[in-house]
Amino acid sequence: MNQQKAVAQQQLTDYASRLKVCGHPLRLMLLCHIARQGNPCVSQLWDCLGQPQPVVSQHLAVLKEKGIVASEVQGNRRIYSIVDPFVKRIVAGLADLVEIPETVETNGTNESGESVEGVESNEGVDDVASGAASGNPGSAQQLR
């Protein structure tokens, strides 16, 4: 019985860790776009989110490092897909419940001029970029 309890606790800890990585609004938006568009290329993700390429790339790198997404080069395009089955199920359900705009302006509004909260958040990403530039690898932990 204690072994079953330990296994259940470890599984819940693993799920919590994956949910934490996906909990950033921009990462969640990325995952919803990947799920809806069926393996988009990275430039399509930049366009949809209205974010600079480095910001989107940093968030994709975190998701990739944690085994949530994978990328594949097809010609001159890098295609992303959700490979974690647990996250894929959650995002599929979320994408059905939440209206995700097809494109987002860089000022935090969608095509209709409606405010899209959290999308323009670069929180943590600037810390990574400045940490990398200063040679401080510990700064990358703030993004994760």
C-alpha atoms as a PDB file:
ATOM      1  CA  MET A   1       0.000   0.000   0.000  1.00  0.00           C
ATOM      2  CA  ASN A   2       2.811   2.431   0.857  1.00  0.00           C
ATOM      3  CA  GLN A   3       4.450   1.648  -2.479  1.00  0.00           C
ATOM      4  CA  GLN A   4       1.232   2.534  -4.339  1.00  0.00           C
ATOM      5  CA  LYS A   5       0.998   5.764  -2.366  1.00  0.00           C
ATOM      6  CA  ALA A   6       4.606   6.632  -3.227  1.00  0.00           C
ATOM      7  CA  VAL A   7       3.995   5.934  -6.924  1.00  0.00           C
ATOM      8  CA  ALA A   8       0.855   8.094  -6.909  1.00  0.00           C
ATOM      9  CA  GLN A   9       2.714  10.900  -5.134  1.00  0.00           C
ATOM     10  CA  GLN A  10       5.578  10.740  -7.663  1.00  0.00           C
ATOM     11  CA  GLN A  11       3.107  10.821 -10.553  1.00  0.00           C
ATOM     12  CA  LEU A  12       1.344  13.865  -9.098  1.00  0.00           C
ATOM     13  CA  THR A  13       4.693  15.585  -8.552  1.00  0.00           C
ATOM     14  CA  ASP A  14       5.581  14.911 -12.187  1.00  0.00           C
ATOM     15  CA  TYR A  15       2.241  16.306 -13.392  1.00  0.00           C
ATOM     16  CA  ALA A  16       2.645  19.386 -11.192  1.00  0.00           C
ATOM     17  CA  SER A  17       6.097  20.017 -12.635  1.00  0.00           C
ATOM     18  CA  ARG A  18       4.775  19.878 -16.204  1.00  0.00           C
ATOM     19  CA  LEU A  19       1.820  22.114 -15.360  1.00  0.00           C
ATOM     20  CA  LYS A  20       4.183  24.655 -13.811  1.00  0.00           C
ATOM     21  CA  VAL A  21       6.228  24.876 -17.023  1.00  0.00           C
ATOM     22  CA  CYS A  22       3.065  25.305 -19.097  1.00  0.00           C
ATOM     23  CA  GLY A  23       1.576  27.849 -16.690  1.00  0.00           C
ATOM     24  CA  HIS A  24       3.237  30.936 -18.166  1.00  0.00           C
ATOM     25  CA  PRO A  25       0.617  32.770 -20.281  1.00  0.00           C
ATOM     26  CA  LEU A  26       2.851  32.991 -23.346  1.00  0.00           C
ATOM     27  CA  ARG A  27       3.812  29.298 -23.166  1.00  0.00           C
ATOM     28  CA  LEU A  28       0.178  28.327 -22.765  1.00  0.00           C
ATOM     29  CA  MET A  29      -0.721  30.461 -25.773  1.00  0.00           C
ATOM     30  CA  LEU A  30       2.110  28.813 -27.752  1.00  0.00           C
ATOM     31  CA  LEU A  31       0.800  25.363 -26.858  1.00  0.00           C
ATOM     32  CA  CYS A  32      -2.759  26.308 -27.852  1.00  0.00           C
ATOM     33  CA  HIS A  33      -1.532  27.607 -31.219  1.00  0.00           C
ATOM     34  CA  ILE A  34       0.536  24.468 -31.812  1.00  0.00           C
ATOM     35  CA  ALA A  35      -2.497  22.302 -31.005  1.00  0.00           C
ATOM     36  CA  ARG A  36      -4.869  24.334 -33.200  1.00  0.00           C
ATOM     37  CA  GLN A  37      -2.576  24.788 -36.188  1.00  0.00           C
ATOM     38  CA  GLY A  38      -1.378  21.191 -36.281  1.00  0.00           C
ATOM     39  CA  ASN A  39       2.416  21.473 -36.128  1.00  0.00           C
ATOM     40  CA  PRO A  40       3.092  25.058 -37.205  1.00  0.00           C
ATOM     41  CA  CYS A  41       6.501  26.382 -38.129  1.00  0.00           C
ATOM     42  CA  VAL A  42       8.210  28.756 -35.748  1.00  0.00           C
ATOM     43  CA  SER A  43       7.616  31.825 -37.934  1.00  0.00           C
ATOM     44  CA  GLN A  44       3.854  31.160 -37.826  1.00  0.00           C
ATOM     45  CA  LEU A  45       4.057  31.155 -34.028  1.00  0.00           C
ATOM     46  CA  TRP A  46       5.901  34.503 -33.994  1.00  0.00           C
ATOM     47  CA  ASP A  47       3.216  35.990 -36.247  1.00  0.00           C
ATOM     48  CA  CYS A  48       0.321  34.635 -34.196  1.00  0.00           C
ATOM     49  CA  LEU A  49       1.677  35.885 -30.900  1.00  0.00           C
ATOM     50  CA  GLY A  50       2.958  39.232 -32.098  1.00  0.00           C
ATOM     51  CA  GLN A  51       6.116  38.688 -30.082  1.00  0.00           C
ATOM     52  CA  PRO A  52       9.748  39.165 -31.106  1.00  0.00           C
ATOM     53  CA  GLN A  53      11.483  36.056 -32.356  1.00  0.00           C
ATOM     54  CA  PRO A  54      13.890  35.791 -29.388  1.00  0.00           C
ATOM     55  CA  VAL A  55      11.026  35.857 -26.867  1.00  0.00           C
ATOM     56  CA  VAL A  56       9.094  33.088 -28.602  1.00  0.00           C
ATOM     57  CA  SER A  57      12.264  31.058 -29.170  1.00  0.00           C
ATOM     58  CA  GLN A  58      13.216  31.245 -25.489  1.00  0.00           C
ATOM     59  CA  HIS A  59       9.793  29.987 -24.404  1.00  0.00           C
ATOM     60  CA  LEU A  60       9.847  27.225 -27.024  1.00  0.00           C
ATOM     61  CA  ALA A  61      13.316  26.222 -25.789  1.00  0.00           C
ATOM     62  CA  VAL A  62      11.970  25.804 -22.243  1.00  0.00           C
ATOM     63  CA  LEU A  63       9.054  23.681 -23.475  1.00  0.00           C
ATOM     64  CA  LYS A  64      11.432  21.617 -25.608  1.00  0.00           C
ATOM     65  CA  GLU A  65      13.944  21.140 -22.776  1.00  0.00           C
ATOM     66  CA  LYS A  66      11.174  19.804 -20.527  1.00  0.00           C
ATOM     67  CA  GLY A  67      10.023  17.321 -23.199  1.00  0.00           C
ATOM     68  CA  ILE A  68       6.674  19.001 -23.796  1.00  0.00           C
ATOM     69  CA  VAL A  69       7.263  19.967 -27.420  1.00  0.00           C
ATOM     70  CA  ALA A  70       9.607  18.704 -30.105  1.00  0.00           C
ATOM     71  CA  SER A  71      10.842  20.340 -33.252  1.00  0.00           C
ATOM     72  CA  GLU A  72      11.682  18.920 -36.627  1.00  0.00           C
ATOM     73  CA  VAL A  73      13.369  20.597 -39.557  1.00  0.00           C
ATOM     74  CA  GLN A  74      11.438  20.278 -42.812  1.00  0.00           C
ATOM     75  CA  GLY A  75      13.312  22.003 -45.604  1.00  0.00           C
ATOM     76  CA  ASN A  76      14.038  25.492 -44.340  1.00  0.00           C
ATOM     77  CA  ARG A  77      11.255  25.415 -41.728  1.00  0.00           C
ATOM     78  CA  ARG A  78      11.330  24.295 -38.083  1.00  0.00           C
ATOM     79  CA  ILE A  79       8.043  22.605 -37.210  1.00  0.00           C
ATOM     80  CA  TYR A  80       6.832  22.265 -33.615  1.00  0.00           C
ATOM     81  CA  SER A  81       4.523  19.654 -32.134  1.00  0.00           C
ATOM     82  CA  ILE A  82       3.312  18.754 -28.650  1.00  0.00           C
ATOM     83  CA  VAL A  83       4.808  15.387 -27.729  1.00  0.00           C
ATOM     84  CA  ASP A  84       3.842  15.077 -24.058  1.00  0.00           C
ATOM     85  CA  PRO A  85       0.543  13.129 -23.970  1.00  0.00           C
ATOM     86  CA  PHE A  86      -0.543  14.622 -20.628  1.00  0.00           C
ATOM     87  CA  VAL A  87      -0.009  18.198 -21.827  1.00  0.00           C
ATOM     88  CA  LYS A  88      -1.517  17.408 -25.226  1.00  0.00           C
ATOM     89  CA  ARG A  89      -4.791  16.286 -23.577  1.00  0.00           C
ATOM     90  CA  ILE A  90      -4.958  19.358 -21.358  1.00  0.00           C
ATOM     91  CA  VAL A  91      -4.185  21.790 -24.172  1.00  0.00           C
ATOM     92  CA  ALA A  92      -6.717  20.106 -26.480  1.00  0.00           C
ATOM     93  CA  GLY A  93      -9.414  20.634 -23.858  1.00  0.00           C
ATOM     94  CA  LEU A  94      -8.293  24.177 -23.172  1.00  0.00           C
ATOM     95  CA  ALA A  95      -8.094  25.105 -26.851  1.00  0.00           C
ATOM     96  CA  ASP A  96     -11.743  24.014 -27.195  1.00  0.00           C
ATOM     97  CA  LEU A  97     -12.829  26.142 -24.213  1.00  0.00           C
ATOM     98  CA  VAL A  98     -10.837  29.317 -24.804  1.00  0.00           C
ATOM     99  CA  GLU A  99     -11.035  31.501 -27.879  1.00  0.00           C
ATOM    100  CA  ILE A 100      -7.462  31.972 -29.027  1.00  0.00           C
ATOM    101  CA  PRO A 101      -7.001  34.797 -31.536  1.00  0.00           C
ATOM    102  CA  GLU A 102      -5.374  33.798 -34.812  1.00  0.00           C
ATOM    103  CA  THR A 103      -3.075  36.816 -34.702  1.00  0.00           C
ATOM    104  CA  VAL A 104      -2.119  39.216 -31.976  1.00  0.00           C
ATOM    105  CA  GLU A 105      -0.871  42.752 -32.472  1.00  0.00           C
ATOM    106  CA  THR A 106       2.304  43.664 -30.615  1.00  0.00           C
ATOM    107  CA  ASN A 107       0.377  46.143 -28.479  1.00  0.00           C
ATOM    108  CA  GLY A 108      -1.479  43.291 -26.730  1.00  0.00           C
ATOM    109  CA  THR A 109      -4.667  43.359 -28.807  1.00  0.00           C
ATOM    110  CA  ASN A 110      -6.042  40.905 -31.316  1.00  0.00           C
ATOM    111  CA  GLU A 111      -7.407  41.669 -34.803  1.00  0.00           C
ATOM    112  CA  SER A 112     -10.664  42.952 -33.280  1.00  0.00           C
ATOM    113  CA  GLY A 113      -8.834  45.382 -31.022  1.00  0.00           C
ATOM    114  CA  GLU A 114      -9.706  43.344 -27.918  1.00  0.00           C
ATOM    115  CA  SER A 115      -7.146  43.267 -25.123  1.00  0.00           C
ATOM    116  CA  VAL A 116      -5.290  39.976 -24.796  1.00  0.00           C
ATOM    117  CA  GLU A 117      -3.875  39.866 -21.296  1.00  0.00           C
ATOM    118  CA  GLY A 118      -0.563  38.166 -20.632  1.00  0.00           C
ATOM    119  CA  VAL A 119       0.372  37.709 -24.264  1.00  0.00           C
ATOM    120  CA  GLU A 120       2.820  40.554 -24.357  1.00  0.00           C
ATOM    121  CA  SER A 121       4.435  39.360 -21.137  1.00  0.00           C
ATOM    122  CA  ASN A 122       8.127  38.843 -21.612  1.00  0.00           C
ATOM    123  CA  GLU A 123       8.531  38.283 -17.889  1.00  0.00           C
ATOM    124  CA  GLY A 124      11.603  36.210 -17.217  1.00  0.00           C
ATOM    125  CA  VAL A 125      12.823  36.232 -20.806  1.00  0.00           C
ATOM    126  CA  ASP A 126      14.670  39.545 -20.499  1.00  0.00           C
ATOM    127  CA  ASP A 127      16.420  38.137 -17.439  1.00  0.00           C
ATOM    128  CA  VAL A 128      17.615  35.172 -19.477  1.00  0.00           C
ATOM    129  CA  ALA A 129      18.871  37.353 -22.311  1.00  0.00           C
ATOM    130  CA  SER A 130      20.703  39.724 -19.980  1.00  0.00           C
ATOM    131  CA  GLY A 131      22.076  36.827 -17.956  1.00  0.00           C
ATOM    132  CA  ALA A 132      23.379  35.101 -21.057  1.00  0.00           C
ATOM    133  CA  ALA A 133      24.965  38.321 -22.262  1.00  0.00           C
ATOM    134  CA  SER A 134      26.681  38.863 -18.918  1.00  0.00           C
ATOM    135  CA  GLY A 135      27.816  35.242 -18.725  1.00  0.00           C
ATOM    136  CA  ASN A 136      25.532  34.481 -15.789  1.00  0.00           C
ATOM    137  CA  PRO A 137      24.023  31.060 -16.565  1.00  0.00           C
ATOM    138  CA  GLY A 138      21.963  31.124 -13.356  1.00  0.00           C
ATOM    139  CA  SER A 139      19.661  33.763 -14.839  1.00  0.00           C
ATOM    140  CA  ALA A 140      18.219  31.155 -17.180  1.00  0.00           C
ATOM    141  CA  GLN A 141      16.661  29.451 -14.167  1.00  0.00           C
ATOM    142  CA  GLN A 142      14.238  32.369 -13.742  1.00  0.00           C
ATOM    143  CA  LEU A 143      12.573  31.423 -17.020  1.00  0.00           C
ATOM    144  CA  ARG A 144      12.062  27.852 -15.937  1.00  0.00           C
END
